[in-house]
Amino acid sequence: MHDQPLCPVGALERACLTALPALRHAWDGSFVLKAFLGGTGRANACCSLDPAPDPDLPARIARIEASYRRLGLTARFRSTPLDPPGLGEALLARGYAVDKDDTLVHAGPVAPVARADAAVRDEAGPTEAWMALIATAEYQTPARRAEKLRNGELLAVPGAWLVLRQDGVDAACLFAVAYGPHCGIFDLATRPEFRRRGLGARLIRAAAHWARELGAETLYAQVAASNTASRGLQESLGLREAYRYRYYVKPAAG
């Protein structure tokens, strides 16, 4: 995990946390705890925003665990380059397991990517049409779906729920959030029969165009390290790895 000159990790972390809201959140020192419905990782995890040494780390971890237990959720820490020293080791010592796959955060300039597309419309919320496209993505679960349905009412900054219509059919979708200099792209999904036809790139370009009109300068996205197809798409549009994160999850008591 490392920071590159492209965009500071702290700025991207704050942008991501803003883009994916949760029903409940709390601060404990430099850690922000987010809790939703147990669906998406970012909206149901705790992470640090300051890599300085934390002398209260053991007690802090125990309090955060207790908070998730009280909320009926699995204790989950998202580990980034902003962890205080020793966080990973402390979590492993408490029985946490590391998720199998790291997530890459890619970032790059908006301007070269931005391109208007007349076939793309903004649903202005997680409408039935947009959610039907998300349902084609295999990773969706009922809890994740329920959280996405709440995004519109919880999001405090501009968001766009984009749908691309191809051959008379709603073929692909994407969720974008723009605030200040950053635009995040999430939930890119394409119907199976329309895949490998460049629709994902068109949606990302349309999202960058929308965000540039709002003043965004940096485009960022998250992708599983093992997802070579999505990584290749993002890299083809000029996005490069800024840092990685991973999850530490507390197994349920047997």
Protein backbone atom coordinates (compact mmCIF):
# COMPACT_ATOMS: atom_id res chain seq x y z
CA MET A 1 0.00 0.00 0.00
CA HIS A 2 1.45 3.33 -0.99
CA ASP A 3 0.61 6.92 -1.81
CA GLN A 4 1.53 8.31 -5.22
CA PRO A 5 1.80 11.98 -6.24
CA LEU A 6 -1.34 11.60 -8.39
CA CYS A 7 -3.72 12.32 -5.52
CA PRO A 8 -3.18 12.17 -1.73
CA VAL A 9 -4.68 9.12 -0.06
CA GLY A 10 -6.41 11.23 2.58
CA ALA A 11 -8.28 13.28 -0.03
CA LEU A 12 -9.46 10.19 -1.88
CA GLU A 13 -10.50 8.47 1.36
CA ARG A 14 -12.63 11.43 2.40
CA ALA A 15 -14.16 11.61 -1.06
CA CYS A 16 -15.05 7.90 -0.96
CA LEU A 17 -16.52 8.14 2.52
CA THR A 18 -18.67 11.07 1.37
CA ALA A 19 -19.81 9.26 -1.77
CA LEU A 20 -21.04 6.14 0.03
CA PRO A 21 -23.11 7.26 3.03
CA ALA A 22 -24.42 5.10 5.87
CA LEU A 23 -27.36 5.42 8.23
CA ARG A 24 -25.10 5.62 11.28
CA HIS A 25 -21.56 6.77 11.91
CA ALA A 26 -19.37 7.60 14.88
CA TRP A 27 -15.82 8.77 15.52
CA ASP A 28 -13.34 7.16 17.90
CA GLY A 29 -10.07 9.07 17.73
CA SER A 30 -8.92 9.05 14.11
CA PHE A 31 -11.29 6.17 13.27
CA VAL A 32 -14.66 6.68 11.63
CA LEU A 33 -17.18 3.87 12.15
CA LYS A 34 -19.91 3.44 9.54
CA ALA A 35 -22.93 1.15 9.90
CA PHE A 36 -25.73 0.50 7.44
CA LEU A 37 -27.53 -2.78 6.72
CA GLY A 38 -24.53 -5.10 6.55
CA GLY A 39 -24.33 -5.00 2.75
CA THR A 40 -21.53 -3.01 1.17
CA GLY A 41 -18.11 -3.11 2.79
CA ARG A 42 -17.37 0.62 2.93
CA ALA A 43 -20.74 1.50 4.49
CA ASN A 44 -20.31 -1.14 7.21
CA ALA A 45 -16.67 -0.79 8.21
CA CYS A 46 -14.34 1.27 10.35
CA CYS A 47 -11.17 2.96 9.08
CA SER A 48 -8.54 5.41 10.22
CA LEU A 49 -7.84 8.78 8.62
CA ASP A 50 -4.54 9.43 10.43
CA PRO A 51 -1.45 7.17 10.25
CA ALA A 52 0.07 8.62 13.43
CA PRO A 53 0.88 6.22 16.29
CA ASP A 54 -2.15 5.53 18.48
CA PRO A 55 -1.30 4.66 22.11
CA ASP A 56 -4.97 3.82 22.77
CA LEU A 57 -5.28 1.40 19.86
CA PRO A 58 -6.14 -1.80 21.83
CA ALA A 59 -8.91 -0.08 23.80
CA ARG A 60 -10.16 1.65 20.68
CA ILE A 61 -10.45 -1.63 18.77
CA ALA A 62 -12.39 -3.17 21.67
CA ARG A 63 -14.83 -0.23 21.76
CA ILE A 64 -15.39 -0.37 18.02
CA GLU A 65 -16.03 -4.11 18.21
CA ALA A 66 -18.56 -3.51 20.96
CA SER A 67 -20.31 -0.88 18.85
CA TYR A 68 -20.76 -3.23 15.91
CA ARG A 69 -21.90 -6.00 18.24
CA ARG A 70 -24.49 -3.68 19.76
CA LEU A 71 -25.73 -2.81 16.25
CA GLY A 72 -25.99 -6.47 15.30
CA LEU A 73 -23.28 -6.18 12.63
CA THR A 74 -19.99 -7.95 11.98
CA ALA A 75 -16.96 -5.99 13.15
CA ARG A 76 -15.03 -4.97 10.04
CA PHE A 77 -11.95 -2.76 9.68
CA ARG A 78 -10.88 -1.35 6.33
CA SER A 79 -7.10 -1.16 6.26
CA THR A 80 -5.52 1.64 4.20
CA PRO A 81 -2.18 3.49 4.15
CA LEU A 82 -3.74 5.73 6.83
CA ASP A 83 -3.70 2.97 9.46
CA PRO A 84 -1.87 3.72 12.71
CA PRO A 85 1.20 1.48 13.13
CA GLY A 86 0.37 -2.02 14.32
CA LEU A 87 -3.33 -2.06 13.41
CA GLY A 88 -3.14 -5.15 11.20
CA GLU A 89 -1.09 -7.10 13.71
CA ALA A 90 -3.46 -6.13 16.54
CA LEU A 91 -6.51 -7.27 14.56
CA LEU A 92 -4.92 -10.60 13.63
CA ALA A 93 -4.06 -11.17 17.29
CA ARG A 94 -7.74 -10.68 18.15
CA GLY A 95 -8.78 -13.37 15.67
CA TYR A 96 -9.67 -11.25 12.66
CA ALA A 97 -9.42 -12.77 9.20
CA VAL A 98 -8.14 -10.91 6.14
CA ASP A 99 -10.45 -10.79 3.14
CA LYS A 100 -9.01 -12.75 0.24
CA ASP A 101 -8.69 -9.87 -2.22
CA ASP A 102 -7.23 -6.37 -1.96
CA THR A 103 -9.12 -3.47 -3.53
CA LEU A 104 -7.28 -0.98 -5.72
CA VAL A 105 -8.20 2.69 -5.77
CA HIS A 106 -7.48 4.12 -9.20
CA ALA A 107 -7.39 7.83 -9.98
CA GLY A 108 -6.70 10.08 -12.93
CA PRO A 109 -7.63 13.40 -14.53
CA VAL A 110 -11.25 14.00 -15.51
CA ALA A 111 -10.71 16.20 -18.57
CA PRO A 112 -9.17 13.63 -20.97
CA VAL A 113 -11.91 11.12 -20.14
CA ALA A 114 -14.96 13.39 -20.30
CA ARG A 115 -17.26 12.94 -23.29
CA ALA A 116 -20.97 13.67 -23.64
CA ASP A 117 -23.13 10.75 -24.80
CA ALA A 118 -26.68 11.31 -26.06
CA ALA A 119 -27.58 7.70 -25.26
CA VAL A 120 -26.89 8.20 -21.54
CA ARG A 121 -29.52 9.62 -19.21
CA ASP A 122 -29.48 10.45 -15.51
CA GLU A 123 -32.24 8.73 -13.54
CA ALA A 124 -31.59 11.18 -10.65
CA GLY A 125 -31.93 8.35 -8.15
CA PRO A 126 -31.91 4.55 -7.77
CA THR A 127 -35.04 4.09 -9.90
CA GLU A 128 -36.58 0.78 -10.92
CA ALA A 129 -34.79 0.98 -14.28
CA TRP A 130 -31.40 1.63 -12.67
CA MET A 131 -31.88 -1.08 -10.03
CA ALA A 132 -32.92 -3.60 -12.69
CA LEU A 133 -29.52 -3.12 -14.32
CA ILE A 134 -27.69 -3.45 -11.01
CA ALA A 135 -29.47 -6.77 -10.53
CA THR A 136 -27.52 -8.15 -13.49
CA ALA A 137 -24.30 -7.83 -11.49
CA GLU A 138 -23.55 -11.14 -9.80
CA TYR A 139 -22.06 -9.62 -6.65
CA GLN A 140 -25.34 -8.01 -5.54
CA THR A 141 -27.10 -9.33 -2.42
CA PRO A 142 -30.44 -8.29 -0.85
CA ALA A 143 -28.66 -6.19 1.79
CA ARG A 144 -26.50 -4.42 -0.80
CA ARG A 145 -29.57 -3.77 -2.93
CA ALA A 146 -31.49 -2.33 0.03
CA GLU A 147 -28.58 0.00 0.83
CA LYS A 148 -28.43 1.26 -2.75
CA LEU A 149 -32.13 2.08 -2.63
CA ARG A 150 -31.41 4.39 0.32
CA ASN A 151 -28.43 6.20 -1.28
CA GLY A 152 -30.54 8.89 -2.86
CA GLU A 153 -32.01 10.11 0.41
CA LEU A 154 -28.73 9.86 2.36
CA LEU A 155 -26.31 11.38 -0.13
CA ALA A 156 -25.52 14.99 0.79
CA VAL A 157 -23.57 15.85 -2.39
CA PRO A 158 -24.41 15.64 -6.13
CA GLY A 159 -24.96 12.15 -7.49
CA ALA A 160 -25.89 10.76 -10.91
CA TRP A 161 -27.54 7.40 -11.57
CA LEU A 162 -26.65 6.95 -15.23
CA VAL A 163 -28.29 4.53 -17.67
CA LEU A 164 -27.03 3.87 -21.19
CA ARG A 165 -29.65 2.82 -23.72
CA GLN A 166 -28.43 0.67 -26.61
CA ASP A 167 -30.49 -0.85 -29.44
CA GLY A 168 -33.71 0.26 -27.73
CA VAL A 169 -32.77 -1.42 -24.43
CA ASP A 170 -31.46 -0.11 -21.10
CA ALA A 171 -28.13 -1.90 -21.38
CA ALA A 172 -25.78 -0.57 -18.69
CA CYS A 173 -25.66 1.64 -15.62
CA LEU A 174 -23.23 3.51 -13.38
CA PHE A 175 -23.43 5.57 -10.18
CA ALA A 176 -21.28 8.70 -9.96
CA VAL A 177 -20.72 11.19 -7.14
CA ALA A 178 -19.07 14.58 -7.65
CA TYR A 179 -18.02 16.91 -4.87
CA GLY A 180 -15.30 19.52 -5.02
CA PRO A 181 -12.38 18.32 -7.17
CA HIS A 182 -13.31 14.62 -7.02
CA CYS A 183 -15.70 12.36 -8.92
CA GLY A 184 -16.15 8.74 -7.85
CA ILE A 185 -17.61 6.08 -10.12
CA PHE A 186 -19.34 3.03 -8.67
CA ASP A 187 -21.79 0.25 -9.55
CA LEU A 188 -20.87 -0.17 -13.19
CA ALA A 189 -23.07 -2.98 -14.51
CA THR A 190 -23.83 -4.18 -18.05
CA ARG A 191 -26.43 -6.70 -19.15
CA PRO A 192 -24.68 -9.94 -20.19
CA GLU A 193 -25.79 -9.71 -23.82
CA PHE A 194 -24.25 -6.22 -24.14
CA ARG A 195 -20.88 -6.92 -22.56
CA ARG A 196 -17.57 -6.45 -24.40
CA ARG A 197 -19.08 -3.76 -26.59
CA GLY A 198 -17.45 -0.73 -24.94
CA LEU A 199 -20.51 0.40 -22.98
CA GLY A 200 -18.60 0.61 -19.71
CA ALA A 201 -16.10 3.05 -21.19
CA ARG A 202 -18.91 5.15 -22.61
CA LEU A 203 -20.61 5.38 -19.23
CA ILE A 204 -17.39 6.35 -17.47
CA ARG A 205 -16.78 9.04 -20.08
CA ALA A 206 -20.33 10.33 -19.65
CA ALA A 207 -19.88 10.41 -15.87
CA ALA A 208 -16.63 12.35 -16.27
CA HIS A 209 -18.43 14.84 -18.53
CA TRP A 210 -21.19 15.30 -15.94
CA ALA A 211 -18.63 15.75 -13.17
CA ARG A 212 -16.46 18.20 -15.10
CA GLU A 213 -19.50 20.47 -15.42
CA LEU A 214 -19.58 20.51 -11.61
CA GLY A 215 -15.90 21.39 -11.31
CA ALA A 216 -14.40 17.93 -10.73
CA GLU A 217 -10.79 17.46 -11.77
CA THR A 218 -9.95 13.96 -10.49
CA LEU A 219 -11.80 10.77 -11.37
CA TYR A 220 -11.45 7.81 -9.02
CA ALA A 221 -12.73 4.25 -8.93
CA GLN A 222 -12.36 1.12 -6.83
CA VAL A 223 -11.72 -2.33 -8.26
CA ALA A 224 -10.84 -5.75 -6.85
CA ALA A 225 -7.21 -6.62 -7.52
CA SER A 226 -8.30 -9.89 -9.15
CA ASN A 227 -10.77 -8.18 -11.53
CA THR A 228 -8.44 -7.90 -14.51
CA ALA A 229 -11.19 -6.84 -16.93
CA SER A 230 -12.30 -3.84 -14.85
CA ARG A 231 -8.72 -2.92 -14.07
CA GLY A 232 -7.91 -2.93 -17.76
CA LEU A 233 -10.91 -0.73 -18.55
CA GLN A 234 -10.00 1.83 -15.92
CA GLU A 235 -6.35 1.87 -16.95
CA SER A 236 -7.33 2.32 -20.61
CA LEU A 237 -9.02 5.58 -19.57
CA GLY A 238 -5.92 6.90 -17.84
CA LEU A 239 -6.70 5.84 -14.26
CA ARG A 240 -3.73 4.55 -12.30
CA GLU A 241 -3.32 2.89 -8.90
CA ALA A 242 -3.15 5.43 -6.08
CA TYR A 243 -3.29 2.94 -3.19
CA ARG A 244 -4.88 -0.30 -2.02
CA TYR A 245 -7.02 -1.31 0.90
CA ARG A 246 -8.19 -4.57 2.46
CA TYR A 247 -10.71 -5.70 5.04
CA TYR A 248 -10.11 -7.38 8.37
CA VAL A 249 -13.27 -9.15 9.52
CA LYS A 250 -14.11 -10.55 12.97
CA PRO A 251 -15.51 -14.09 12.56
CA ALA A 252 -18.81 -14.76 14.27
CA ALA A 253 -18.52 -16.57 17.61
CA GLY A 254 -19.07 -20.31 17.23
